[in-house]
Amino acid sequence: MNEATPDAAGPTTRERLLQAAIDIAARQGQGAVTYRAVAAEVGVTHGLVRFYFGTRQAMLSEAFEMAARKDAREAGLLTESLDDLGADLVRTITEHGERQVLQYEYLLSAVRGTAPLEHVVALYDFYADQVGQTLRNVRIDDPDGSLAALVFAALDGLVLQHAVYGDPERTERTLARLRDILRPLEADPE
């Protein structure tokens, strides 16, 4: 079996290693994500971790990307209706807060110049593109993408606030208010 393709039994070794990196970063910070720590978490040798990723930075970058793409897919940023925009955001960030911790810590590292900023830019563009497609799906005019960027910024800030407050009801109310603000911008179907 190809290690890059998960089977019905579960995640690949690479995915298990990346999830371990995410979990360690959430509990102890990115500095604690080492070959040995990841290996111990998964129950493999540190040489196997090195084999899969080559460098610690490559492992962190891949873990960041995996966390971000899972969040984007699970949160419901790409939808066909405003009512569904972010429909699973609160569940995703409540159940998988470790992924947000890694993403924000990685973002800060990239801004400080200790991680590749282009990975953060690419993933932020990915998130904004998903929001932009949703706006197009609901016929909200956004020719320059600035509204999609604004909505994504609001969602990004809401995720950070959820990490601080830890209050799903507050987050849901705020998300509902964002949808209400967008609703008058929808064009009538013709």
C-alpha atoms as a PDB file:
ATOM      1  CA  MET A   1       0.000   0.000   0.000  1.00  0.00           C
ATOM      2  CA  ASN A   2       1.180   3.524  -0.769  1.00  0.00           C
ATOM      3  CA  GLU A   3       1.861   5.504   2.456  1.00  0.00           C
ATOM      4  CA  ALA A   4       0.459   8.661   0.839  1.00  0.00           C
ATOM      5  CA  THR A   5      -2.968   7.060   0.401  1.00  0.00           C
ATOM      6  CA  PRO A   6      -4.969   6.305   3.529  1.00  0.00           C
ATOM      7  CA  ASP A   7      -6.906   3.072   3.595  1.00  0.00           C
ATOM      8  CA  ALA A   8     -10.144   2.269   5.388  1.00  0.00           C
ATOM      9  CA  ALA A   9      -8.126   1.362   8.493  1.00  0.00           C
ATOM     10  CA  GLY A  10      -7.033   4.930   9.184  1.00  0.00           C
ATOM     11  CA  PRO A  11      -4.511   7.660   8.519  1.00  0.00           C
ATOM     12  CA  THR A  12      -1.145   7.100   6.893  1.00  0.00           C
ATOM     13  CA  THR A  13       2.053   7.187   8.904  1.00  0.00           C
ATOM     14  CA  ARG A  14       2.786  10.667   7.495  1.00  0.00           C
ATOM     15  CA  GLU A  15      -0.640  11.917   8.633  1.00  0.00           C
ATOM     16  CA  ARG A  16      -0.138  10.404  12.093  1.00  0.00           C
ATOM     17  CA  LEU A  17       3.259  12.135  12.366  1.00  0.00           C
ATOM     18  CA  LEU A  18       1.767  15.467  11.291  1.00  0.00           C
ATOM     19  CA  GLN A  19      -1.108  15.115  13.760  1.00  0.00           C
ATOM     20  CA  ALA A  20       1.424  14.398  16.498  1.00  0.00           C
ATOM     21  CA  ALA A  21       3.304  17.582  15.546  1.00  0.00           C
ATOM     22  CA  ILE A  22       0.043  19.545  15.726  1.00  0.00           C
ATOM     23  CA  ASP A  23      -0.824  18.072  19.123  1.00  0.00           C
ATOM     24  CA  ILE A  24       2.627  18.737  20.583  1.00  0.00           C
ATOM     25  CA  ALA A  25       2.643  22.312  19.268  1.00  0.00           C
ATOM     26  CA  ALA A  26      -0.778  22.927  20.819  1.00  0.00           C
ATOM     27  CA  ARG A  27       0.257  21.547  24.213  1.00  0.00           C
ATOM     28  CA  GLN A  28       3.815  22.849  24.479  1.00  0.00           C
ATOM     29  CA  GLY A  29       4.489  25.252  21.604  1.00  0.00           C
ATOM     30  CA  GLN A  30       6.309  24.831  18.320  1.00  0.00           C
ATOM     31  CA  GLY A  31       9.661  24.707  20.068  1.00  0.00           C
ATOM     32  CA  ALA A  32       8.713  21.345  21.563  1.00  0.00           C
ATOM     33  CA  VAL A  33       8.064  19.804  18.138  1.00  0.00           C
ATOM     34  CA  THR A  34      11.188  17.740  17.576  1.00  0.00           C
ATOM     35  CA  TYR A  35      11.842  14.509  15.705  1.00  0.00           C
ATOM     36  CA  ARG A  36      12.145  12.682  19.016  1.00  0.00           C
ATOM     37  CA  ALA A  37       8.953  14.154  20.504  1.00  0.00           C
ATOM     38  CA  VAL A  38       6.912  13.352  17.397  1.00  0.00           C
ATOM     39  CA  ALA A  39       8.410   9.866  17.213  1.00  0.00           C
ATOM     40  CA  ALA A  40       7.586   9.205  20.866  1.00  0.00           C
ATOM     41  CA  GLU A  41       4.020  10.414  20.396  1.00  0.00           C
ATOM     42  CA  VAL A  42       3.436   8.057  17.456  1.00  0.00           C
ATOM     43  CA  GLY A  43       5.600   5.179  18.669  1.00  0.00           C
ATOM     44  CA  VAL A  44       8.190   5.164  15.870  1.00  0.00           C
ATOM     45  CA  THR A  45      11.889   5.969  15.651  1.00  0.00           C
ATOM     46  CA  HIS A  46      13.039   9.565  15.259  1.00  0.00           C
ATOM     47  CA  GLY A  47      14.919   8.434  12.138  1.00  0.00           C
ATOM     48  CA  LEU A  48      11.582   7.627  10.509  1.00  0.00           C
ATOM     49  CA  VAL A  49      10.332  11.141  11.264  1.00  0.00           C
ATOM     50  CA  ARG A  50      13.496  12.576   9.712  1.00  0.00           C
ATOM     51  CA  PHE A  51      13.013  10.299   6.688  1.00  0.00           C
ATOM     52  CA  TYR A  52       9.487  11.615   6.082  1.00  0.00           C
ATOM     53  CA  PHE A  53      10.213  15.331   6.440  1.00  0.00           C
ATOM     54  CA  GLY A  54      13.948  15.960   6.117  1.00  0.00           C
ATOM     55  CA  THR A  55      13.903  19.070   8.278  1.00  0.00           C
ATOM     56  CA  ARG A  56      12.013  20.145  11.338  1.00  0.00           C
ATOM     57  CA  GLN A  57      10.839  23.267   9.475  1.00  0.00           C
ATOM     58  CA  ALA A  58       9.457  21.141   6.631  1.00  0.00           C
ATOM     59  CA  MET A  59       7.542  19.078   9.198  1.00  0.00           C
ATOM     60  CA  LEU A  60       6.108  22.203  10.854  1.00  0.00           C
ATOM     61  CA  SER A  61       5.178  23.710   7.486  1.00  0.00           C
ATOM     62  CA  GLU A  62       3.396  20.544   6.424  1.00  0.00           C
ATOM     63  CA  ALA A  63       1.596  20.287   9.775  1.00  0.00           C
ATOM     64  CA  PHE A  64       0.494  23.922   9.430  1.00  0.00           C
ATOM     65  CA  GLU A  65      -0.852  23.292   5.944  1.00  0.00           C
ATOM     66  CA  MET A  66      -2.627  20.091   6.971  1.00  0.00           C
ATOM     67  CA  ALA A  67      -4.280  21.854   9.918  1.00  0.00           C
ATOM     68  CA  ALA A  68      -5.371  24.818   7.810  1.00  0.00           C
ATOM     69  CA  ARG A  69      -6.805  22.752   4.968  1.00  0.00           C
ATOM     70  CA  LYS A  70      -8.711  20.507   7.377  1.00  0.00           C
ATOM     71  CA  ASP A  71     -10.167  23.575   9.085  1.00  0.00           C
ATOM     72  CA  ALA A  72     -11.165  25.150   5.771  1.00  0.00           C
ATOM     73  CA  ARG A  73     -12.837  21.946   4.607  1.00  0.00           C
ATOM     74  CA  GLU A  74     -14.643  21.253   7.882  1.00  0.00           C
ATOM     75  CA  ALA A  75     -15.709  24.803   8.793  1.00  0.00           C
ATOM     76  CA  GLY A  76     -17.868  25.394   5.733  1.00  0.00           C
ATOM     77  CA  LEU A  77     -16.224  28.416   4.149  1.00  0.00           C
ATOM     78  CA  LEU A  78     -17.137  27.268   0.641  1.00  0.00           C
ATOM     79  CA  THR A  79     -20.917  26.985   0.478  1.00  0.00           C
ATOM     80  CA  GLU A  80     -23.933  27.627  -1.713  1.00  0.00           C
ATOM     81  CA  SER A  81     -25.829  29.799   0.795  1.00  0.00           C
ATOM     82  CA  LEU A  82     -25.132  32.438   3.418  1.00  0.00           C
ATOM     83  CA  ASP A  83     -26.928  30.329   6.004  1.00  0.00           C
ATOM     84  CA  ASP A  84     -24.287  27.647   5.478  1.00  0.00           C
ATOM     85  CA  LEU A  85     -21.288  30.020   5.573  1.00  0.00           C
ATOM     86  CA  GLY A  86     -19.257  28.846   8.538  1.00  0.00           C
ATOM     87  CA  ALA A  87     -22.046  26.463   9.561  1.00  0.00           C
ATOM     88  CA  ASP A  88     -19.525  24.083  11.130  1.00  0.00           C
ATOM     89  CA  LEU A  89     -16.976  26.698  12.166  1.00  0.00           C
ATOM     90  CA  VAL A  90     -17.804  26.621  15.863  1.00  0.00           C
ATOM     91  CA  ARG A  91     -17.821  22.817  15.999  1.00  0.00           C
ATOM     92  CA  THR A  92     -14.516  22.675  14.117  1.00  0.00           C
ATOM     93  CA  ILE A  93     -12.712  25.214  16.283  1.00  0.00           C
ATOM     94  CA  THR A  94     -14.170  23.791  19.487  1.00  0.00           C
ATOM     95  CA  GLU A  95     -13.333  20.168  18.719  1.00  0.00           C
ATOM     96  CA  HIS A  96      -9.993  20.858  17.021  1.00  0.00           C
ATOM     97  CA  GLY A  97      -8.574  23.877  18.837  1.00  0.00           C
ATOM     98  CA  GLU A  98      -5.099  22.378  18.576  1.00  0.00           C
ATOM     99  CA  ARG A  99      -5.130  23.111  14.859  1.00  0.00           C
ATOM    100  CA  GLN A 100      -5.835  26.802  15.409  1.00  0.00           C
ATOM    101  CA  VAL A 101      -3.097  27.048  18.038  1.00  0.00           C
ATOM    102  CA  LEU A 102      -0.567  25.666  15.561  1.00  0.00           C
ATOM    103  CA  GLN A 103      -1.794  27.971  12.787  1.00  0.00           C
ATOM    104  CA  TYR A 104      -1.551  31.132  14.880  1.00  0.00           C
ATOM    105  CA  GLU A 105       1.824  30.171  16.307  1.00  0.00           C
ATOM    106  CA  TYR A 106       3.121  29.345  12.822  1.00  0.00           C
ATOM    107  CA  LEU A 107       1.747  32.651  11.512  1.00  0.00           C
ATOM    108  CA  LEU A 108       3.622  34.535  14.231  1.00  0.00           C
ATOM    109  CA  SER A 109       6.816  32.616  13.422  1.00  0.00           C
ATOM    110  CA  ALA A 110       6.432  33.514   9.750  1.00  0.00           C
ATOM    111  CA  VAL A 111       5.864  37.187  10.507  1.00  0.00           C
ATOM    112  CA  ARG A 112       8.993  37.116  12.709  1.00  0.00           C
ATOM    113  CA  GLY A 113      10.941  35.564   9.821  1.00  0.00           C
ATOM    114  CA  THR A 114      11.578  32.155  11.395  1.00  0.00           C
ATOM    115  CA  ALA A 115       9.132  30.256   9.142  1.00  0.00           C
ATOM    116  CA  PRO A 116       8.281  30.688   5.459  1.00  0.00           C
ATOM    117  CA  LEU A 117       5.768  33.530   5.112  1.00  0.00           C
ATOM    118  CA  GLU A 118       4.734  32.324   1.666  1.00  0.00           C
ATOM    119  CA  HIS A 119       3.011  29.291   3.244  1.00  0.00           C
ATOM    120  CA  VAL A 120       0.855  31.579   5.382  1.00  0.00           C
ATOM    121  CA  VAL A 121       0.099  33.874   2.444  1.00  0.00           C
ATOM    122  CA  ALA A 122      -0.886  30.904   0.255  1.00  0.00           C
ATOM    123  CA  LEU A 123      -3.201  29.492   2.890  1.00  0.00           C
ATOM    124  CA  TYR A 124      -4.747  32.866   3.719  1.00  0.00           C
ATOM    125  CA  ASP A 125      -5.359  33.301  -0.022  1.00  0.00           C
ATOM    126  CA  PHE A 126      -6.937  29.833  -0.065  1.00  0.00           C
ATOM    127  CA  TYR A 127      -9.303  30.761   2.806  1.00  0.00           C
ATOM    128  CA  ALA A 128     -10.210  34.107   1.188  1.00  0.00           C
ATOM    129  CA  ASP A 129     -10.765  32.403  -2.179  1.00  0.00           C
ATOM    130  CA  GLN A 130     -13.206  29.984  -0.571  1.00  0.00           C
ATOM    131  CA  VAL A 131     -15.109  32.877   1.006  1.00  0.00           C
ATOM    132  CA  GLY A 132     -14.995  34.710  -2.337  1.00  0.00           C
ATOM    133  CA  GLN A 133     -16.487  31.709  -4.138  1.00  0.00           C
ATOM    134  CA  THR A 134     -19.263  31.578  -1.553  1.00  0.00           C
ATOM    135  CA  LEU A 135     -19.985  35.268  -2.155  1.00  0.00           C
ATOM    136  CA  ARG A 136     -20.194  34.554  -5.898  1.00  0.00           C
ATOM    137  CA  ASN A 137     -22.446  31.552  -5.218  1.00  0.00           C
ATOM    138  CA  VAL A 138     -24.912  33.777  -3.341  1.00  0.00           C
ATOM    139  CA  ARG A 139     -24.591  36.546  -5.949  1.00  0.00           C
ATOM    140  CA  ILE A 140     -22.836  39.131  -3.810  1.00  0.00           C
ATOM    141  CA  ASP A 141     -20.845  41.508  -5.996  1.00  0.00           C
ATOM    142  CA  ASP A 142     -17.172  41.621  -5.003  1.00  0.00           C
ATOM    143  CA  PRO A 143     -15.182  42.400  -8.144  1.00  0.00           C
ATOM    144  CA  ASP A 144     -11.874  43.153  -6.426  1.00  0.00           C
ATOM    145  CA  GLY A 145     -12.116  40.520  -3.667  1.00  0.00           C
ATOM    146  CA  SER A 146     -11.996  43.102  -0.888  1.00  0.00           C
ATOM    147  CA  LEU A 147     -15.290  41.949   0.636  1.00  0.00           C
ATOM    148  CA  ALA A 148     -14.084  38.338   0.673  1.00  0.00           C
ATOM    149  CA  ALA A 149     -10.889  39.549   2.375  1.00  0.00           C
ATOM    150  CA  LEU A 150     -12.957  41.467   4.928  1.00  0.00           C
ATOM    151  CA  VAL A 151     -15.255  38.509   5.644  1.00  0.00           C
ATOM    152  CA  PHE A 152     -12.263  36.211   5.998  1.00  0.00           C
ATOM    153  CA  ALA A 153     -10.604  38.722   8.342  1.00  0.00           C
ATOM    154  CA  ALA A 154     -13.769  38.716  10.460  1.00  0.00           C
ATOM    155  CA  LEU A 155     -13.836  34.915  10.518  1.00  0.00           C
ATOM    156  CA  ASP A 156     -10.126  34.743  11.339  1.00  0.00           C
ATOM    157  CA  GLY A 157     -10.605  37.181  14.209  1.00  0.00           C
ATOM    158  CA  LEU A 158     -13.635  35.248  15.394  1.00  0.00           C
ATOM    159  CA  VAL A 159     -11.550  32.071  15.576  1.00  0.00           C
ATOM    160  CA  LEU A 160      -8.961  33.903  17.671  1.00  0.00           C
ATOM    161  CA  GLN A 161     -11.663  35.331  19.943  1.00  0.00           C
ATOM    162  CA  HIS A 162     -13.131  31.851  20.350  1.00  0.00           C
ATOM    163  CA  ALA A 163      -9.726  30.679  21.572  1.00  0.00           C
ATOM    164  CA  VAL A 164      -9.802  33.462  24.167  1.00  0.00           C
ATOM    165  CA  TYR A 165     -13.437  33.257  25.297  1.00  0.00           C
ATOM    166  CA  GLY A 166     -14.092  29.559  24.698  1.00  0.00           C
ATOM    167  CA  ASP A 167     -17.798  30.331  24.427  1.00  0.00           C
ATOM    168  CA  PRO A 168     -19.486  28.530  21.496  1.00  0.00           C
ATOM    169  CA  GLU A 169     -22.767  30.435  21.969  1.00  0.00           C
ATOM    170  CA  ARG A 170     -20.986  33.798  21.748  1.00  0.00           C
ATOM    171  CA  THR A 171     -19.139  32.673  18.638  1.00  0.00           C
ATOM    172  CA  GLU A 172     -22.350  31.380  17.005  1.00  0.00           C
ATOM    173  CA  ARG A 173     -24.160  34.679  17.747  1.00  0.00           C
ATOM    174  CA  THR A 174     -21.317  36.666  16.215  1.00  0.00           C
ATOM    175  CA  LEU A 175     -21.232  34.424  13.146  1.00  0.00           C
ATOM    176  CA  ALA A 176     -25.021  34.808  12.730  1.00  0.00           C
ATOM    177  CA  ARG A 177     -24.594  38.595  12.899  1.00  0.00           C
ATOM    178  CA  LEU A 178     -21.951  38.453  10.166  1.00  0.00           C
ATOM    179  CA  ARG A 179     -24.377  36.533   7.940  1.00  0.00           C
ATOM    180  CA  ASP A 180     -27.098  39.117   8.697  1.00  0.00           C
ATOM    181  CA  ILE A 181     -24.765  41.929   7.631  1.00  0.00           C
ATOM    182  CA  LEU A 182     -24.038  40.155   4.331  1.00  0.00           C
ATOM    183  CA  ARG A 183     -27.628  39.160   3.529  1.00  0.00           C
ATOM    184  CA  PRO A 184     -28.776  42.568   2.141  1.00  0.00           C
ATOM    185  CA  LEU A 185     -25.882  42.438  -0.331  1.00  0.00           C
ATOM    186  CA  GLU A 186     -27.260  39.333  -2.066  1.00  0.00           C
ATOM    187  CA  ALA A 187     -28.615  39.989  -5.544  1.00  0.00           C
ATOM    188  CA  ASP A 188     -32.118  38.742  -6.276  1.00  0.00           C
ATOM    189  CA  PRO A 189     -32.169  35.643  -8.493  1.00  0.00           C
ATOM    190  CA  GLU A 190     -33.340  36.528 -11.960  1.00  0.00           C
END
